[in-house]
Amino acid sequence: MRTELVIAVAQPLCVPYDVAANAVTHAAAVRSARARVVVFPELSLTGYELDAPAITAEDPRLTPIVEASRETGSVALVGAPVCGQAGRSHIATLAIDGTGATVAYQKVWLGEAEAYRFAAGAKPAVLEVDGWRLGLAICKDTGIPRHASDTAALGMDAYVAAVLEFAEDAGVVGERARRVAADHHVWVAVASFAGSTGGGYARAAGCSGIWRPDGVVVAQAESETGAIVRARLN
C-alpha cells in the first residue's frame, strides 16, 4: 500500500557558476526540509548562466548533497547543465539520494536562447519514489500542455517542476500549476527561483508551491530567497 509522501519545494540562494558553494546551500536545505523529496529550481546548481560548464552525475562537488540525503533519507531533485552525447549538453534534473546522483530528466521544450547551447531532451520522464510516480518538468515544459499530457501517459501521481520566472511573472507559477492539476487530476509541486540567479534575472519570482489535484494550493512561499515549504501528498 502506498504511504503518504512528504515533498518540499525550495528556493535557495544561488551563487552564479559556483557549483561547490551552491551544493553546500542545497545540502543545508535538504537537512532543514524534513521531506522525503526536496525539489529545487531550474539550473539551481549554476544559476541561469547558459554558458556554465556542464557537469556529470559523478561530479565530486555534489558530495554535500549526497551526504545530506543519506542523513535524512531524502531524494533531492536539483537543476544543472549536464553532458550529453555528441558534445551537446542538456538542461537537466539530477536525482540525488544517499547513494549518489543520476540524471533523471532532460528538458524537452527549450527557450530560444537555450537552444543555441543545449539539446532538447528526447522524451518525458517519471521518477518513482515510495510507490509515487513523479512526472518531471523544467520551466518552459510547464507552459506546453502536450508535455503534461505526454508525461501523464506514462502514469503519474504528481507533476514536479523546476522553474525560473521574472518577479513580474510570478502569477505564471500558480496559473500553470492549477492547469496541470485540473487537466490531469494530480498533485503539482513547483520549485521556483527567488532572488538573483544570473543570466539577466536580477529578481526572480519565487512563489514555489504545492497544489492538490483539485487545484487548491496547500503550501506556497513568497518571494524571499531561502524559503522552503512542504506538504503531505496522500
Protein backbone atom coordinates (compact mmCIF):
# COMPACT_ATOMS: atom_id res chain seq x y z
CA MET A 1 0.00 0.00 0.00
CA ARG A 2 1.35 3.42 -0.95
CA THR A 3 2.10 5.68 2.01
CA GLU A 4 1.98 9.44 2.30
CA LEU A 5 4.80 11.31 0.61
CA VAL A 6 6.20 14.46 2.18
CA ILE A 7 7.50 16.75 -0.55
CA ALA A 8 9.20 20.13 -0.18
CA VAL A 9 9.99 22.86 -2.70
CA ALA A 10 12.96 25.13 -2.10
CA GLN A 11 14.16 28.45 -3.48
CA PRO A 12 17.79 28.65 -2.30
CA LEU A 13 20.29 31.47 -2.54
CA CYS A 14 22.34 30.98 -5.70
CA VAL A 15 25.93 31.95 -6.48
CA PRO A 16 26.15 32.01 -10.29
CA TYR A 17 28.54 29.40 -11.73
CA ASP A 18 29.66 28.15 -8.29
CA VAL A 19 28.52 24.52 -8.15
CA ALA A 20 30.51 23.78 -4.99
CA ALA A 21 29.04 26.68 -2.99
CA ASN A 22 25.53 26.02 -4.25
CA ALA A 23 25.81 22.32 -3.39
CA VAL A 24 26.54 23.25 0.23
CA THR A 25 23.45 25.50 0.26
CA HIS A 26 21.38 22.71 -1.27
CA ALA A 27 22.61 20.28 1.38
CA ALA A 28 21.53 22.66 4.14
CA ALA A 29 18.09 22.94 2.54
CA VAL A 30 17.75 19.16 2.35
CA ARG A 31 18.55 18.88 6.05
CA SER A 32 16.04 21.55 7.05
CA ALA A 33 13.25 20.49 4.69
CA ARG A 34 12.18 17.40 6.68
CA ALA A 35 10.87 15.81 3.49
CA ARG A 36 11.25 12.60 1.51
CA VAL A 37 11.58 14.59 -1.74
CA VAL A 38 13.10 18.07 -1.95
CA VAL A 39 12.69 19.93 -5.25
CA PHE A 40 14.99 22.74 -6.42
CA PRO A 41 14.59 25.25 -9.29
CA GLU A 42 15.85 25.10 -12.87
CA LEU A 43 19.68 25.16 -13.11
CA SER A 44 19.80 25.58 -9.34
CA LEU A 45 23.43 24.47 -9.08
CA THR A 46 24.77 27.04 -11.54
CA GLY A 47 22.17 29.77 -11.74
CA TYR A 48 20.62 30.66 -15.07
CA GLU A 49 24.01 31.06 -16.74
CA LEU A 50 23.67 29.33 -20.09
CA ASP A 51 27.43 29.23 -20.61
CA ALA A 52 28.12 27.46 -17.29
CA PRO A 53 30.17 24.28 -17.85
CA ALA A 54 28.17 21.07 -17.92
CA ILE A 55 28.69 18.59 -15.12
CA THR A 56 28.27 14.85 -14.77
CA ALA A 57 26.35 12.87 -12.17
CA GLU A 58 29.70 11.75 -10.76
CA ASP A 59 30.90 15.31 -10.06
CA PRO A 60 32.55 15.29 -6.59
CA ARG A 61 31.10 18.74 -5.86
CA LEU A 62 27.73 17.02 -5.40
CA THR A 63 29.05 15.15 -2.34
CA PRO A 64 27.49 17.51 0.25
CA ILE A 65 24.03 16.85 -1.23
CA VAL A 66 24.64 13.09 -1.29
CA GLU A 67 25.69 13.18 2.36
CA ALA A 68 22.69 15.29 3.40
CA SER A 69 20.35 12.96 1.52
CA ARG A 70 21.92 9.94 3.22
CA GLU A 71 21.44 11.52 6.66
CA THR A 72 17.81 12.46 6.06
CA GLY A 73 16.64 9.68 3.74
CA SER A 74 15.70 12.31 1.19
CA VAL A 75 15.75 12.44 -2.60
CA ALA A 76 16.91 15.85 -3.84
CA LEU A 77 15.87 16.93 -7.33
CA VAL A 78 18.41 19.56 -8.39
CA GLY A 79 18.95 21.50 -11.60
CA ALA A 80 22.16 21.57 -13.63
CA PRO A 81 23.56 21.55 -17.16
CA VAL A 82 24.73 18.01 -17.88
CA CYS A 83 26.92 16.43 -20.51
CA GLY A 84 25.11 14.72 -23.38
CA GLN A 85 26.00 12.82 -26.50
CA ALA A 86 27.90 14.20 -29.49
CA GLY A 87 29.23 17.09 -27.45
CA ARG A 88 25.79 18.59 -26.75
CA SER A 89 24.62 19.43 -23.25
CA HIS A 90 21.18 19.35 -21.67
CA ILE A 91 19.31 21.34 -19.03
CA ALA A 92 18.56 18.56 -16.58
CA THR A 93 17.17 17.42 -13.29
CA LEU A 94 19.51 15.29 -11.21
CA ALA A 95 18.02 12.92 -8.64
CA ILE A 96 20.38 12.71 -5.67
CA ASP A 97 19.99 10.29 -2.76
CA GLY A 98 22.34 8.75 -0.25
CA THR A 99 23.93 6.50 -2.86
CA GLY A 100 24.77 9.19 -5.41
CA ALA A 101 23.30 11.12 -8.33
CA THR A 102 21.63 10.16 -11.59
CA VAL A 103 20.29 12.22 -14.48
CA ALA A 104 16.55 11.81 -14.02
CA TYR A 105 15.26 14.10 -16.77
CA GLN A 106 16.43 16.33 -19.63
CA LYS A 107 14.33 19.40 -20.53
CA VAL A 108 12.26 18.75 -23.65
CA TRP A 109 10.95 22.23 -24.51
CA LEU A 110 13.79 24.76 -24.71
CA GLY A 111 13.62 28.54 -24.82
CA GLU A 112 15.04 30.28 -27.88
CA ALA A 113 18.32 31.29 -26.24
CA GLU A 114 18.70 27.87 -24.61
CA ALA A 115 18.53 26.10 -27.97
CA TYR A 116 21.81 27.70 -29.08
CA ARG A 117 23.68 25.92 -26.30
CA PHE A 118 21.58 22.91 -25.33
CA ALA A 119 19.96 19.94 -27.00
CA ALA A 120 16.35 19.12 -26.20
CA GLY A 121 15.63 16.01 -24.19
CA ALA A 122 14.17 13.14 -26.17
CA LYS A 123 11.17 12.24 -24.04
CA PRO A 124 9.23 12.86 -20.81
CA ALA A 125 10.24 11.05 -17.65
CA VAL A 126 8.73 9.74 -14.44
CA LEU A 127 10.68 9.09 -11.25
CA GLU A 128 9.24 6.59 -8.77
CA VAL A 129 9.71 7.26 -5.05
CA ASP A 130 7.99 5.04 -2.47
CA GLY A 131 5.38 3.98 -4.99
CA TRP A 132 4.64 7.56 -6.08
CA ARG A 133 5.24 8.29 -9.76
CA LEU A 134 6.60 11.80 -10.12
CA GLY A 135 6.41 13.34 -13.59
CA LEU A 136 9.35 15.70 -14.08
CA ALA A 137 9.30 19.08 -15.84
CA ILE A 138 11.60 22.07 -16.26
CA CYS A 139 10.30 25.61 -16.79
CA LYS A 140 9.02 26.03 -20.39
CA ASP A 141 7.81 22.41 -20.28
CA THR A 142 5.11 23.57 -17.87
CA GLY A 143 3.73 26.01 -20.42
CA ILE A 144 3.26 23.33 -23.09
CA PRO A 145 0.08 21.31 -22.37
CA ARG A 146 1.42 18.46 -24.51
CA HIS A 147 4.30 17.99 -22.08
CA ALA A 148 2.00 17.29 -19.15
CA SER A 149 -0.16 15.06 -21.36
CA ASP A 150 2.81 13.05 -22.60
CA THR A 151 4.09 12.69 -19.04
CA ALA A 152 0.65 11.69 -17.75
CA ALA A 153 0.57 8.96 -20.40
CA LEU A 154 3.46 7.32 -18.56
CA GLY A 155 1.33 7.21 -15.42
CA MET A 156 2.00 9.93 -12.86
CA ASP A 157 0.67 10.79 -9.41
CA ALA A 158 2.32 14.22 -9.25
CA TYR A 159 3.83 16.71 -11.68
CA VAL A 160 7.08 18.05 -10.22
CA ALA A 161 8.60 21.11 -11.88
CA ALA A 162 11.74 23.23 -11.57
CA VAL A 163 11.19 26.74 -12.93
CA LEU A 164 12.51 30.28 -13.22
CA GLU A 165 10.28 33.30 -13.80
CA PHE A 166 10.80 37.04 -13.59
CA ALA A 167 9.28 38.67 -10.50
CA GLU A 168 6.62 40.41 -12.61
CA ASP A 169 5.55 37.00 -13.95
CA ALA A 170 5.04 35.41 -10.53
CA GLY A 171 1.42 34.60 -11.34
CA VAL A 172 2.54 32.21 -14.06
CA VAL A 173 3.75 29.71 -11.43
CA GLY A 174 0.32 29.14 -9.91
CA GLU A 175 -1.56 29.53 -13.18
CA ARG A 176 0.32 26.66 -14.82
CA ALA A 177 0.19 24.51 -11.71
CA ARG A 178 -3.58 24.83 -11.48
CA ARG A 179 -3.98 23.98 -15.16
CA VAL A 180 -1.94 20.79 -14.88
CA ALA A 181 -3.81 19.76 -11.73
CA ALA A 182 -7.17 20.36 -13.42
CA ASP A 183 -6.24 18.63 -16.65
CA HIS A 184 -4.72 15.52 -15.10
CA HIS A 185 -6.07 15.34 -11.53
CA VAL A 186 -2.62 15.08 -9.98
CA TRP A 187 -0.66 16.84 -7.28
CA VAL A 188 1.65 19.58 -8.60
CA ALA A 189 4.87 20.74 -6.91
CA VAL A 190 6.85 23.66 -8.33
CA ALA A 191 10.24 24.93 -7.14
CA SER A 192 10.73 28.47 -8.44
CA PHE A 193 13.93 30.50 -8.16
CA ALA A 194 13.93 33.58 -5.91
CA GLY A 195 16.37 36.46 -5.73
CA SER A 196 19.16 36.99 -8.25
CA THR A 197 20.00 33.94 -10.35
CA GLY A 198 22.29 35.28 -13.07
CA GLY A 199 21.51 35.34 -16.75
CA GLY A 200 19.65 38.65 -16.55
CA TYR A 201 17.36 37.59 -13.70
CA ALA A 202 18.14 40.23 -11.09
CA ARG A 203 14.89 39.46 -9.26
CA ALA A 204 13.19 36.12 -9.78
CA ALA A 205 9.62 35.34 -8.80
CA GLY A 206 9.86 32.76 -6.04
CA CYS A 207 6.31 31.67 -5.13
CA SER A 208 7.25 27.98 -5.05
CA GLY A 209 4.29 25.88 -4.05
CA ILE A 210 2.35 22.64 -3.88
CA TRP A 211 -1.17 22.23 -5.29
CA ARG A 212 -3.73 19.48 -4.69
CA PRO A 213 -5.34 17.56 -7.58
CA ASP A 214 -8.35 19.88 -7.29
CA GLY A 215 -6.08 22.87 -7.94
CA VAL A 216 -6.13 24.26 -4.40
CA VAL A 217 -2.73 25.43 -3.16
CA VAL A 218 -1.78 23.82 0.15
CA ALA A 219 1.64 25.40 0.69
CA GLN A 220 3.27 28.35 -1.03
CA ALA A 221 6.32 30.52 -0.41
CA GLU A 222 6.52 34.21 -1.11
CA SER A 223 9.39 35.85 -2.99
CA GLU A 224 12.08 35.54 -0.32
CA THR A 225 15.34 33.74 -1.02
CA GLY A 226 15.89 30.65 1.11
CA ALA A 227 12.24 29.78 1.67
CA ILE A 228 11.14 26.13 1.85
CA VAL A 229 7.55 24.90 2.02
CA ARG A 230 6.28 21.34 2.28
CA ALA A 231 3.13 19.25 2.11
CA ARG A 232 1.97 15.69 2.61
CA LEU A 233 0.71 14.02 -0.53
CA ASN A 234 -1.94 11.38 0.14
